[in-house]
C-alpha cells in the first residue's frame, strides 16, 4: 500500500467513525478522498503566491439562496448545518457530530 493510499484509508476510517458506522463503506472512502484533495489543494495555494485566494462563486440552489437571503439576523454556521440535515442527503449522517458540537451537546 502506498503512503497516499494509507492516508486515504486512515481518513476513510475516521469518516466512518463520524457516522457511528459498523463498517467502512465506499462513501467513506469517497468523502475521505474529497477531504484529502481539499487539504492538499489548500497546501498548494499556500505554496503558490500566484494562486487566487478568491475563486469565482458558484450559483446557488434555491434552498441555499433562500437561507442566504431570509432572516434579519446574520447567517450562522448552525443555520447552514441545519439546512444540510433537513435535506437528507446521503452525507447527512456525517452531520451528527457537527450538529452536537454546534449545539453544545
PDB file of N, CA and C in Angstrom:
ATOM      1  N   UNK A   1       0.858  -1.174   0.000  1.00  0.00           N
ATOM      2  CA  UNK A   1       0.000   0.000   0.000  1.00  0.00           C
ATOM      3  C   UNK A   1       0.900   1.232   0.000  1.00  0.00           C
ATOM      4  N   UNK A   2       0.592   2.180  -0.874  1.00  0.00           N
ATOM      5  CA  UNK A   2       1.380   3.408  -0.924  1.00  0.00           C
ATOM      6  C   UNK A   2       1.027   4.303   0.259  1.00  0.00           C
ATOM      7  N   UNK A   3       1.863   5.269   0.505  1.00  0.00           N
ATOM      8  CA  UNK A   3       1.614   6.215   1.599  1.00  0.00           C
ATOM      9  C   UNK A   3       0.322   6.983   1.362  1.00  0.00           C
ATOM     10  N   UNK A   4       0.062   7.373   0.103  1.00  0.00           N
ATOM     11  CA  UNK A   4      -1.177   8.090  -0.218  1.00  0.00           C
ATOM     12  C   UNK A   4      -2.402   7.219   0.045  1.00  0.00           C
ATOM     13  N   UNK A   5      -2.329   5.951  -0.332  1.00  0.00           N
ATOM     14  CA  UNK A   5      -3.441   5.032  -0.096  1.00  0.00           C
ATOM     15  C   UNK A   5      -3.652   4.828   1.399  1.00  0.00           C
ATOM     16  N   UNK A   6      -2.581   4.741   2.137  1.00  0.00           N
ATOM     17  CA  UNK A   6      -2.678   4.585   3.592  1.00  0.00           C
ATOM     18  C   UNK A   6      -3.345   5.814   4.212  1.00  0.00           C
ATOM     19  N   UNK A   7      -2.937   7.006   3.775  1.00  0.00           N
ATOM     20  CA  UNK A   7      -3.566   8.243   4.269  1.00  0.00           C
ATOM     21  C   UNK A   7      -5.062   8.253   3.970  1.00  0.00           C
ATOM     22  N   UNK A   8      -5.407   7.818   2.772  1.00  0.00           N
ATOM     23  CA  UNK A   8      -6.810   7.790   2.377  1.00  0.00           C
ATOM     24  C   UNK A   8      -7.605   6.820   3.237  1.00  0.00           C
ATOM     25  N   UNK A   9      -7.039   5.648   3.512  1.00  0.00           N
ATOM     26  CA  UNK A   9      -7.752   4.664   4.320  1.00  0.00           C
ATOM     27  C   UNK A   9      -7.886   5.119   5.780  1.00  0.00           C
ATOM     28  N   UNK A  10      -6.871   5.789   6.311  1.00  0.00           N
ATOM     29  CA  UNK A  10      -6.966   6.321   7.669  1.00  0.00           C
ATOM     30  C   UNK A  10      -8.079   7.366   7.737  1.00  0.00           C
ATOM     31  N   UNK A  11      -8.121   8.255   6.758  1.00  0.00           N
ATOM     32  CA  UNK A  11      -9.163   9.285   6.731  1.00  0.00           C
ATOM     33  C   UNK A  11     -10.541   8.647   6.539  1.00  0.00           C
ATOM     34  N   UNK A  12     -10.634   7.608   5.714  1.00  0.00           N
ATOM     35  CA  UNK A  12     -11.912   6.921   5.489  1.00  0.00           C
ATOM     36  C   UNK A  12     -12.402   6.265   6.779  1.00  0.00           C
ATOM     37  N   UNK A  13     -11.491   5.691   7.556  1.00  0.00           N
ATOM     38  CA  UNK A  13     -11.870   5.111   8.849  1.00  0.00           C
ATOM     39  C   UNK A  13     -12.452   6.186   9.763  1.00  0.00           C
ATOM     40  N   UNK A  14     -11.825   7.346   9.775  1.00  0.00           N
ATOM     41  CA  UNK A  14     -12.324   8.445  10.607  1.00  0.00           C
ATOM     42  C   UNK A  14     -13.692   8.911  10.123  1.00  0.00           C
ATOM     43  N   UNK A  15     -13.877   8.968   8.808  1.00  0.00           N
ATOM     44  CA  UNK A  15     -15.178   9.355   8.258  1.00  0.00           C
ATOM     45  C   UNK A  15     -16.256   8.368   8.681  1.00  0.00           C
ATOM     46  N   UNK A  16     -15.952   7.095   8.636  1.00  0.00           N
ATOM     47  CA  UNK A  16     -16.919   6.078   9.050  1.00  0.00           C
ATOM     48  C   UNK A  16     -17.242   6.213  10.536  1.00  0.00           C
ATOM     49  N   UNK A  17     -16.235   6.493  11.341  1.00  0.00           N
ATOM     50  CA  UNK A  17     -16.471   6.675  12.782  1.00  0.00           C
ATOM     51  C   UNK A  17     -17.372   7.876  13.048  1.00  0.00           C
ATOM     52  N   UNK A  18     -17.244   8.922  12.233  1.00  0.00           N
ATOM     53  CA  UNK A  18     -18.080  10.113  12.409  1.00  0.00           C
ATOM     54  C   UNK A  18     -19.566   9.795  12.329  1.00  0.00           C
ATOM     55  N   UNK A  19     -19.912   8.833  11.509  1.00  0.00           N
ATOM     56  CA  UNK A  19     -21.331   8.490  11.371  1.00  0.00           C
ATOM     57  C   UNK A  19     -21.691   7.251  12.181  1.00  0.00           C
ATOM     58  N   UNK A  20     -20.817   6.893  13.136  1.00  0.00           N
ATOM     59  CA  UNK A  20     -21.045   5.747  14.016  1.00  0.00           C
ATOM     60  C   UNK A  20     -21.296   4.468  13.228  1.00  0.00           C
ATOM     61  N   UNK A  21     -20.532   4.281  12.168  1.00  0.00           N
ATOM     62  CA  UNK A  21     -20.711   3.119  11.298  1.00  0.00           C
ATOM     63  C   UNK A  21     -20.152   1.858  11.933  1.00  0.00           C
ATOM     64  N   UNK A  22     -20.721   0.730  11.542  1.00  0.00           N
ATOM     65  CA  UNK A  22     -20.212  -0.564  11.973  1.00  0.00           C
ATOM     66  C   UNK A  22     -19.174  -1.099  10.998  1.00  0.00           C
ATOM     67  N   UNK A  23     -19.162  -0.534   9.786  1.00  0.00           N
ATOM     68  CA  UNK A  23     -18.163  -0.953   8.805  1.00  0.00           C
ATOM     69  C   UNK A  23     -17.840   0.204   7.873  1.00  0.00           C
ATOM     70  N   UNK A  24     -16.666   0.138   7.303  1.00  0.00           N
ATOM     71  CA  UNK A  24     -16.218   1.128   6.331  1.00  0.00           C
ATOM     72  C   UNK A  24     -16.938   0.879   5.015  1.00  0.00           C
ATOM     73  N   UNK A  25     -17.483   1.933   4.426  1.00  0.00           N
ATOM     74  CA  UNK A  25     -18.202   1.814   3.165  1.00  0.00           C
ATOM     75  C   UNK A  25     -17.539   2.670   2.095  1.00  0.00           C
ATOM     76  N   UNK A  26     -17.949   2.448   0.869  1.00  0.00           N
ATOM     77  CA  UNK A  26     -17.382   3.189  -0.264  1.00  0.00           C
ATOM     78  C   UNK A  26     -17.594   4.683  -0.083  1.00  0.00           C
ATOM     79  N   UNK A  27     -18.735   5.089   0.441  1.00  0.00           N
ATOM     80  CA  UNK A  27     -18.987   6.523   0.632  1.00  0.00           C
ATOM     81  C   UNK A  27     -17.992   7.141   1.599  1.00  0.00           C
ATOM     82  N   UNK A  28     -17.492   6.357   2.560  1.00  0.00           N
ATOM     83  CA  UNK A  28     -16.470   6.857   3.479  1.00  0.00           C
ATOM     84  C   UNK A  28     -15.159   7.117   2.739  1.00  0.00           C
ATOM     85  N   UNK A  29     -14.834   6.228   1.831  1.00  0.00           N
ATOM     86  CA  UNK A  29     -13.628   6.394   1.013  1.00  0.00           C
ATOM     87  C   UNK A  29     -13.788   7.628   0.124  1.00  0.00           C
ATOM     88  N   UNK A  30     -14.980   7.810  -0.447  1.00  0.00           N
ATOM     89  CA  UNK A  30     -15.226   8.965  -1.314  1.00  0.00           C
ATOM     90  C   UNK A  30     -15.100  10.268  -0.534  1.00  0.00           C
ATOM     91  N   UNK A  31     -15.698  10.325   0.637  1.00  0.00           N
ATOM     92  CA  UNK A  31     -15.611  11.533   1.451  1.00  0.00           C
ATOM     93  C   UNK A  31     -14.170  11.801   1.868  1.00  0.00           C
ATOM     94  N   UNK A  32     -13.452  10.757   2.250  1.00  0.00           N
ATOM     95  CA  UNK A  32     -12.048  10.907   2.636  1.00  0.00           C
ATOM     96  C   UNK A  32     -11.207  11.424   1.476  1.00  0.00           C
ATOM     97  N   UNK A  33     -11.460  10.912   0.286  1.00  0.00           N
ATOM     98  CA  UNK A  33     -10.719  11.368  -0.896  1.00  0.00           C
ATOM     99  C   UNK A  33     -10.979  12.855  -1.141  1.00  0.00           C
ATOM    100  N   UNK A  34     -12.203  13.280  -0.968  1.00  0.00           N
ATOM    101  CA  UNK A  34     -12.560  14.684  -1.156  1.00  0.00           C
ATOM    102  C   UNK A  34     -11.882  15.568  -0.114  1.00  0.00           C
ATOM    103  N   UNK A  35     -11.906  15.146   1.129  1.00  0.00           N
ATOM    104  CA  UNK A  35     -11.265  15.910   2.200  1.00  0.00           C
ATOM    105  C   UNK A  35      -9.768  16.035   1.945  1.00  0.00           C
ATOM    106  N   UNK A  36      -9.119  14.927   1.627  1.00  0.00           N
ATOM    107  CA  UNK A  36      -7.681  14.965   1.368  1.00  0.00           C
ATOM    108  C   UNK A  36      -7.353  15.828   0.151  1.00  0.00           C
ATOM    109  N   UNK A  37      -8.199  15.767  -0.854  1.00  0.00           N
ATOM    110  CA  UNK A  37      -7.994  16.598  -2.045  1.00  0.00           C
ATOM    111  C   UNK A  37      -7.988  18.083  -1.660  1.00  0.00           C
ATOM    112  N   UNK A  38      -8.968  18.491  -0.860  1.00  0.00           N
ATOM    113  CA  UNK A  38      -9.043  19.905  -0.479  1.00  0.00           C
ATOM    114  C   UNK A  38      -7.931  20.300   0.474  1.00  0.00           C
ATOM    115  N   UNK A  39      -7.525  19.403   1.344  1.00  0.00           N
ATOM    116  CA  UNK A  39      -6.399  19.711   2.224  1.00  0.00           C
ATOM    117  C   UNK A  39      -5.122  19.915   1.421  1.00  0.00           C
ATOM    118  N   UNK A  40      -4.905  19.058   0.441  1.00  0.00           N
ATOM    119  CA  UNK A  40      -3.706  19.187  -0.405  1.00  0.00           C
ATOM    120  C   UNK A  40      -3.786  20.425  -1.291  1.00  0.00           C
ATOM    121  N   UNK A  41      -4.982  20.725  -1.777  1.00  0.00           N
ATOM    122  CA  UNK A  41      -5.147  21.934  -2.597  1.00  0.00           C
ATOM    123  C   UNK A  41      -4.839  23.176  -1.783  1.00  0.00           C
ATOM    124  N   UNK A  42      -5.273  23.188  -0.529  1.00  0.00           N
ATOM    125  CA  UNK A  42      -5.000  24.333   0.344  1.00  0.00           C
ATOM    126  C   UNK A  42      -3.505  24.491   0.572  1.00  0.00           C
ATOM    127  N   UNK A  43      -2.800  23.379   0.728  1.00  0.00           N
ATOM    128  CA  UNK A  43      -1.347  23.437   0.900  1.00  0.00           C
ATOM    129  C   UNK A  43      -0.678  23.998  -0.346  1.00  0.00           C
ATOM    130  N   UNK A  44      -1.174  23.610  -1.518  1.00  0.00           N
ATOM    131  CA  UNK A  44      -0.597  24.104  -2.765  1.00  0.00           C
ATOM    132  C   UNK A  44      -0.835  25.598  -2.920  1.00  0.00           C
ATOM    133  N   UNK A  45      -2.003  26.078  -2.518  1.00  0.00           N
ATOM    134  CA  UNK A  45      -2.308  27.508  -2.606  1.00  0.00           C
ATOM    135  C   UNK A  45      -1.372  28.290  -1.697  1.00  0.00           C
ATOM    136  N   UNK A  46      -1.141  27.767  -0.511  1.00  0.00           N
ATOM    137  CA  UNK A  46      -0.231  28.442   0.413  1.00  0.00           C
ATOM    138  C   UNK A  46       1.178  28.524  -0.152  1.00  0.00           C
ATOM    139  N   UNK A  47       1.565  27.523  -0.938  1.00  0.00           N
ATOM    140  CA  UNK A  47       2.905  27.490  -1.510  1.00  0.00           C
ATOM    141  C   UNK A  47       3.034  28.348  -2.770  1.00  0.00           C
ATOM    142  N   UNK A  48       1.924  28.757  -3.344  1.00  0.00           N
ATOM    143  CA  UNK A  48       1.951  29.491  -4.601  1.00  0.00           C
ATOM    144  C   UNK A  48       1.453  30.918  -4.408  1.00  0.00           C
ATOM    145  N   UNK A  49       2.317  31.870  -4.641  1.00  0.00           N
ATOM    146  CA  UNK A  49       1.929  33.272  -4.495  1.00  0.00           C
ATOM    147  C   UNK A  49       1.024  33.719  -5.631  1.00  0.00           C
ATOM    148  N   UNK A  50       1.074  33.031  -6.775  1.00  0.00           N
ATOM    149  CA  UNK A  50       0.288  33.436  -7.941  1.00  0.00           C
ATOM    150  C   UNK A  50      -1.157  32.948  -7.880  1.00  0.00           C
ATOM    151  N   UNK A  51      -1.474  32.020  -7.001  1.00  0.00           N
ATOM    152  CA  UNK A  51      -2.831  31.455  -6.942  1.00  0.00           C
ATOM    153  C   UNK A  51      -3.802  32.472  -6.362  1.00  0.00           C
ATOM    154  N   UNK A  52      -4.995  32.495  -6.923  1.00  0.00           N
ATOM    155  CA  UNK A  52      -6.035  33.384  -6.433  1.00  0.00           C
ATOM    156  C   UNK A  52      -6.627  32.810  -5.156  1.00  0.00           C
ATOM    157  N   UNK A  53      -6.795  33.642  -4.166  1.00  0.00           N
ATOM    158  CA  UNK A  53      -7.408  33.202  -2.925  1.00  0.00           C
ATOM    159  C   UNK A  53      -8.922  33.416  -2.935  1.00  0.00           C
ATOM    160  N   UNK A  54      -9.450  34.006  -3.999  1.00  0.00           N
ATOM    161  CA  UNK A  54     -10.874  34.282  -4.097  1.00  0.00           C
ATOM    162  C   UNK A  54     -11.444  33.668  -5.375  1.00  0.00           C
ATOM    163  N   UNK A  55     -11.772  32.386  -5.330  1.00  0.00           N
ATOM    164  CA  UNK A  55     -12.339  31.769  -6.532  1.00  0.00           C
ATOM    165  C   UNK A  55     -13.729  32.328  -6.832  1.00  0.00           C
ATOM    166  N   UNK A  56     -14.120  32.227  -8.080  1.00  0.00           N
ATOM    167  CA  UNK A  56     -15.429  32.708  -8.502  1.00  0.00           C
ATOM    168  C   UNK A  56     -16.519  31.924  -7.770  1.00  0.00           C
ATOM    169  N   UNK A  57     -17.556  32.625  -7.345  1.00  0.00           N
ATOM    170  CA  UNK A  57     -18.660  31.983  -6.630  1.00  0.00           C
ATOM    171  C   UNK A  57     -19.510  31.179  -7.605  1.00  0.00           C
ATOM    172  N   UNK A  58     -19.958  30.024  -7.155  1.00  0.00           N
ATOM    173  CA  UNK A  58     -20.862  29.187  -7.940  1.00  0.00           C
ATOM    174  C   UNK A  58     -22.295  29.664  -7.739  1.00  0.00           C
ATOM    175  N   UNK A  59     -23.165  29.439  -8.720  1.00  0.00           N
ATOM    176  CA  UNK A  59     -24.586  29.732  -8.494  1.00  0.00           C
ATOM    177  C   UNK A  59     -25.104  28.848  -7.361  1.00  0.00           C
ATOM    178  N   UNK A  60     -26.116  29.322  -6.660  1.00  0.00           N
ATOM    179  CA  UNK A  60     -26.664  28.582  -5.529  1.00  0.00           C
ATOM    180  C   UNK A  60     -28.032  28.015  -5.867  1.00  0.00           C
ATOM    181  N   UNK A  61     -28.309  26.840  -5.301  1.00  0.00           N
ATOM    182  CA  UNK A  61     -29.634  26.251  -5.476  1.00  0.00           C
ATOM    183  C   UNK A  61     -30.662  27.145  -4.780  1.00  0.00           C
ATOM    184  N   UNK A  62     -31.922  26.933  -5.085  1.00  0.00           N
ATOM    185  CA  UNK A  62     -32.981  27.743  -4.483  1.00  0.00           C
ATOM    186  C   UNK A  62     -32.966  27.646  -2.962  1.00  0.00           C
ATOM    187  N   UNK A  63     -32.742  26.432  -2.429  1.00  0.00           N
ATOM    188  CA  UNK A  63     -32.742  26.237  -0.977  1.00  0.00           C
ATOM    189  C   UNK A  63     -31.612  27.007  -0.307  1.00  0.00           C
ATOM    190  N   UNK A  64     -30.437  26.975  -0.917  1.00  0.00           N
ATOM    191  CA  UNK A  64     -29.291  27.675  -0.336  1.00  0.00           C
ATOM    192  C   UNK A  64     -29.490  29.184  -0.477  1.00  0.00           C
ATOM    193  N   UNK A  65     -29.958  29.615  -1.617  1.00  0.00           N
ATOM    194  CA  UNK A  65     -30.186  31.045  -1.831  1.00  0.00           C
ATOM    195  C   UNK A  65     -31.230  31.580  -0.856  1.00  0.00           C
ATOM    196  N   UNK A  66     -32.260  30.789  -0.591  1.00  0.00           N
ATOM    197  CA  UNK A  66     -33.309  31.219   0.327  1.00  0.00           C
ATOM    198  C   UNK A  66     -32.764  31.439   1.731  1.00  0.00           C
ATOM    199  N   UNK A  67     -31.938  30.516   2.210  1.00  0.00           N
ATOM    200  CA  UNK A  67     -31.400  30.676   3.563  1.00  0.00           C
ATOM    201  C   UNK A  67     -30.389  31.820   3.622  1.00  0.00           C
ATOM    202  N   UNK A  68     -29.732  32.085   2.514  1.00  0.00           N
ATOM    203  CA  UNK A  68     -28.766  33.191   2.476  1.00  0.00           C
ATOM    204  C   UNK A  68     -29.463  34.545   2.558  1.00  0.00           C
ATOM    205  N   UNK A  69     -30.672  34.632   2.012  1.00  0.00           N
ATOM    206  CA  UNK A  69     -31.344  35.927   1.928  1.00  0.00           C
ATOM    207  C   UNK A  69     -32.483  36.098   2.923  1.00  0.00           C
ATOM    208  N   UNK A  70     -32.912  35.032   3.568  1.00  0.00           N
ATOM    209  CA  UNK A  70     -34.024  35.151   4.515  1.00  0.00           C
ATOM    210  C   UNK A  70     -33.494  35.467   5.898  1.00  0.00           C
ATOM    211  N   UNK A  71     -34.345  35.990   6.706  1.00  0.00           N
ATOM    212  CA  UNK A  71     -33.966  36.285   8.089  1.00  0.00           C
ATOM    213  C   UNK A  71     -33.349  37.653   8.231  1.00  0.00           C
ATOM    214  N   UNK A  72     -33.506  38.178   9.420  1.00  0.00           N
ATOM    215  CA  UNK A  72     -32.990  39.515   9.708  1.00  0.00           C
ATOM    216  C   UNK A  72     -31.637  39.464  10.395  1.00  0.00           C
ATOM    217  N   UNK A  73     -31.347  38.337  11.027  1.00  0.00           N
ATOM    218  CA  UNK A  73     -30.076  38.195  11.738  1.00  0.00           C
ATOM    219  C   UNK A  73     -28.997  37.704  10.788  1.00  0.00           C
ATOM    220  N   UNK A  74     -27.769  37.745  11.261  1.00  0.00           N
ATOM    221  CA  UNK A  74     -26.642  37.235  10.479  1.00  0.00           C
ATOM    222  C   UNK A  74     -26.781  35.722  10.317  1.00  0.00           C
ATOM    223  N   UNK A  75     -26.420  35.230   9.156  1.00  0.00           N
ATOM    224  CA  UNK A  75     -26.444  33.797   8.882  1.00  0.00           C
ATOM    225  C   UNK A  75     -25.388  33.119   9.738  1.00  0.00           C
ATOM    226  N   UNK A  76     -25.779  32.057  10.442  1.00  0.00           N
ATOM    227  CA  UNK A  76     -24.864  31.345  11.323  1.00  0.00           C
ATOM    228  C   UNK A  76     -24.517  29.988  10.729  1.00  0.00           C
ATOM    229  N   UNK A  77     -23.393  29.466  11.188  1.00  0.00           N
ATOM    230  CA  UNK A  77     -22.959  28.133  10.789  1.00  0.00           C
ATOM    231  C   UNK A  77     -24.056  27.112  11.078  1.00  0.00           C
ATOM    232  N   UNK A  78     -24.694  27.212  12.226  1.00  0.00           N
ATOM    233  CA  UNK A  78     -25.739  26.255  12.607  1.00  0.00           C
ATOM    234  C   UNK A  78     -26.922  26.302  11.642  1.00  0.00           C
ATOM    235  N   UNK A  79     -27.218  27.471  11.073  1.00  0.00           N
ATOM    236  CA  UNK A  79     -28.302  27.581  10.087  1.00  0.00           C
ATOM    237  C   UNK A  79     -27.982  26.737   8.850  1.00  0.00           C
ATOM    238  N   UNK A  80     -26.741  26.806   8.399  1.00  0.00           N
ATOM    239  CA  UNK A  80     -26.337  26.051   7.215  1.00  0.00           C
ATOM    240  C   UNK A  80     -26.289  24.546   7.493  1.00  0.00           C
ATOM    241  N   UNK A  81     -25.816  24.172   8.681  1.00  0.00           N
ATOM    242  CA  UNK A  81     -25.773  22.751   9.035  1.00  0.00           C
ATOM    243  C   UNK A  81     -27.193  22.203   9.148  1.00  0.00           C
ATOM    244  N   UNK A  82     -28.094  22.987   9.730  1.00  0.00           N
ATOM    245  CA  UNK A  82     -29.497  22.548   9.839  1.00  0.00           C
ATOM    246  C   UNK A  82     -30.102  22.367   8.449  1.00  0.00           C
ATOM    247  N   UNK A  83     -29.799  23.246   7.526  1.00  0.00           N
ATOM    248  CA  UNK A  83     -30.274  23.094   6.152  1.00  0.00           C
ATOM    249  C   UNK A  83     -29.773  21.777   5.565  1.00  0.00           C
ATOM    250  N   UNK A  84     -28.510  21.499   5.755  1.00  0.00           N
ATOM    251  CA  UNK A  84     -27.940  20.250   5.230  1.00  0.00           C
ATOM    252  C   UNK A  84     -28.592  19.031   5.873  1.00  0.00           C
ATOM    253  N   UNK A  85     -28.878  19.104   7.153  1.00  0.00           N
ATOM    254  CA  UNK A  85     -29.536  17.989   7.844  1.00  0.00           C
ATOM    255  C   UNK A  85     -30.956  17.792   7.327  1.00  0.00           C
ATOM    256  N   UNK A  86     -31.669  18.879   7.070  1.00  0.00           N
ATOM    257  CA  UNK A  86     -33.056  18.789   6.581  1.00  0.00           C
ATOM    258  C   UNK A  86     -33.130  18.176   5.196  1.00  0.00           C
ATOM    259  N   UNK A  87     -32.118  18.429   4.383  1.00  0.00           N
ATOM    260  CA  UNK A  87     -32.146  17.956   3.005  1.00  0.00           C
ATOM    261  C   UNK A  87     -31.983  16.451   2.895  1.00  0.00           C
ATOM    262  N   UNK A  88     -31.592  15.791   3.991  1.00  0.00           N
ATOM    263  CA  UNK A  88     -31.480  14.326   3.998  1.00  0.00           C
ATOM    264  C   UNK A  88     -30.611  13.796   2.852  1.00  0.00           C
ATOM    265  N   UNK A  89     -29.499  14.437   2.637  1.00  0.00           N
ATOM    266  CA  UNK A  89     -28.586  13.960   1.604  1.00  0.00           C
ATOM    267  C   UNK A  89     -27.916  12.677   2.077  1.00  0.00           C
ATOM    268  N   UNK A  90     -27.249  12.006   1.179  1.00  0.00           N
ATOM    269  CA  UNK A  90     -26.535  10.781   1.522  1.00  0.00           C
ATOM    270  C   UNK A  90     -25.473  11.041   2.583  1.00  0.00           C
ATOM    271  N   UNK A  91     -24.977  12.249   2.633  1.00  0.00           N
ATOM    272  CA  UNK A  91     -23.927  12.578   3.583  1.00  0.00           C
ATOM    273  C   UNK A  91     -24.468  13.146   4.893  1.00  0.00           C
ATOM    274  N   UNK A  92     -25.786  13.243   5.048  1.00  0.00           N
ATOM    275  CA  UNK A  92     -26.339  13.853   6.254  1.00  0.00           C
ATOM    276  C   UNK A  92     -25.980  13.086   7.517  1.00  0.00           C
ATOM    277  N   UNK A  93     -25.681  11.790   7.402  1.00  0.00           N
ATOM    278  CA  UNK A  93     -25.265  11.020   8.575  1.00  0.00           C
ATOM    279  C   UNK A  93     -24.001  11.593   9.204  1.00  0.00           C
ATOM    280  N   UNK A  94     -23.153  12.202   8.407  1.00  0.00           N
ATOM    281  CA  UNK A  94     -21.904  12.755   8.907  1.00  0.00           C
ATOM    282  C   UNK A  94     -22.124  14.007   9.753  1.00  0.00           C
ATOM    283  N   UNK A  95     -23.293  14.583   9.660  1.00  0.00           N
ATOM    284  CA  UNK A  95     -23.528  15.851  10.331  1.00  0.00           C
ATOM    285  C   UNK A  95     -23.897  15.714  11.802  1.00  0.00           C
ATOM    286  N   UNK A  96     -24.137  14.502  12.271  1.00  0.00           N
ATOM    287  CA  UNK A  96     -24.487  14.306  13.674  1.00  0.00           C
ATOM    288  C   UNK A  96     -23.465  14.904  14.631  1.00  0.00           C
ATOM    289  N   UNK A  97     -22.181  14.560  14.515  1.00  0.00           N
ATOM    290  CA  UNK A  97     -21.181  15.143  15.427  1.00  0.00           C
ATOM    291  C   UNK A  97     -21.047  16.657  15.256  1.00  0.00           C
ATOM    292  N   UNK A  98     -21.195  17.138  14.028  1.00  0.00           N
ATOM    293  CA  UNK A  98     -21.109  18.578  13.790  1.00  0.00           C
ATOM    294  C   UNK A  98     -22.266  19.275  14.496  1.00  0.00           C
ATOM    295  N   UNK A  99     -23.457  18.724  14.334  1.00  0.00           N
ATOM    296  CA  UNK A  99     -24.648  19.311  14.949  1.00  0.00           C
ATOM    297  C   UNK A  99     -24.536  19.310  16.475  1.00  0.00           C
ATOM    298  N   UNK A 100     -24.081  18.183  17.036  1.00  0.00           N
ATOM    299  CA  UNK A 100     -23.940  18.112  18.501  1.00  0.00           C
ATOM    300  C   UNK A 100     -22.903  19.128  18.993  1.00  0.00           C
ATOM    301  N   UNK A 101     -21.826  19.301  18.258  1.00  0.00           N
ATOM    302  CA  UNK A 101     -20.790  20.272  18.658  1.00  0.00           C
ATOM    303  C   UNK A 101     -21.324  21.700  18.609  1.00  0.00           C
ATOM    304  N   UNK A 102     -22.088  21.992  17.577  1.00  0.00           N
ATOM    305  CA  UNK A 102     -22.654  23.339  17.435  1.00  0.00           C
ATOM    306  C   UNK A 102     -23.655  23.625  18.556  1.00  0.00           C
ATOM    307  N   UNK A 103     -24.448  22.622  18.877  1.00  0.00           N
ATOM    308  CA  UNK A 103     -25.484  22.779  19.898  1.00  0.00           C
ATOM    309  C   UNK A 103     -24.929  22.665  21.322  1.00  0.00           C
ATOM    310  N   UNK A 104     -23.645  22.266  21.446  1.00  0.00           N
ATOM    311  CA  UNK A 104     -23.017  22.161  22.756  1.00  0.00           C
ATOM    312  C   UNK A 104     -23.406  20.924  23.536  1.00  0.00           C
ATOM    313  N   UNK A 105     -23.733  19.844  22.811  1.00  0.00           N
ATOM    314  CA  UNK A 105     -24.130  18.594  23.483  1.00  0.00           C
ATOM    315  C   UNK A 105     -22.992  17.611  23.475  1.00  0.00           C
TER     316      UNK A 105
END
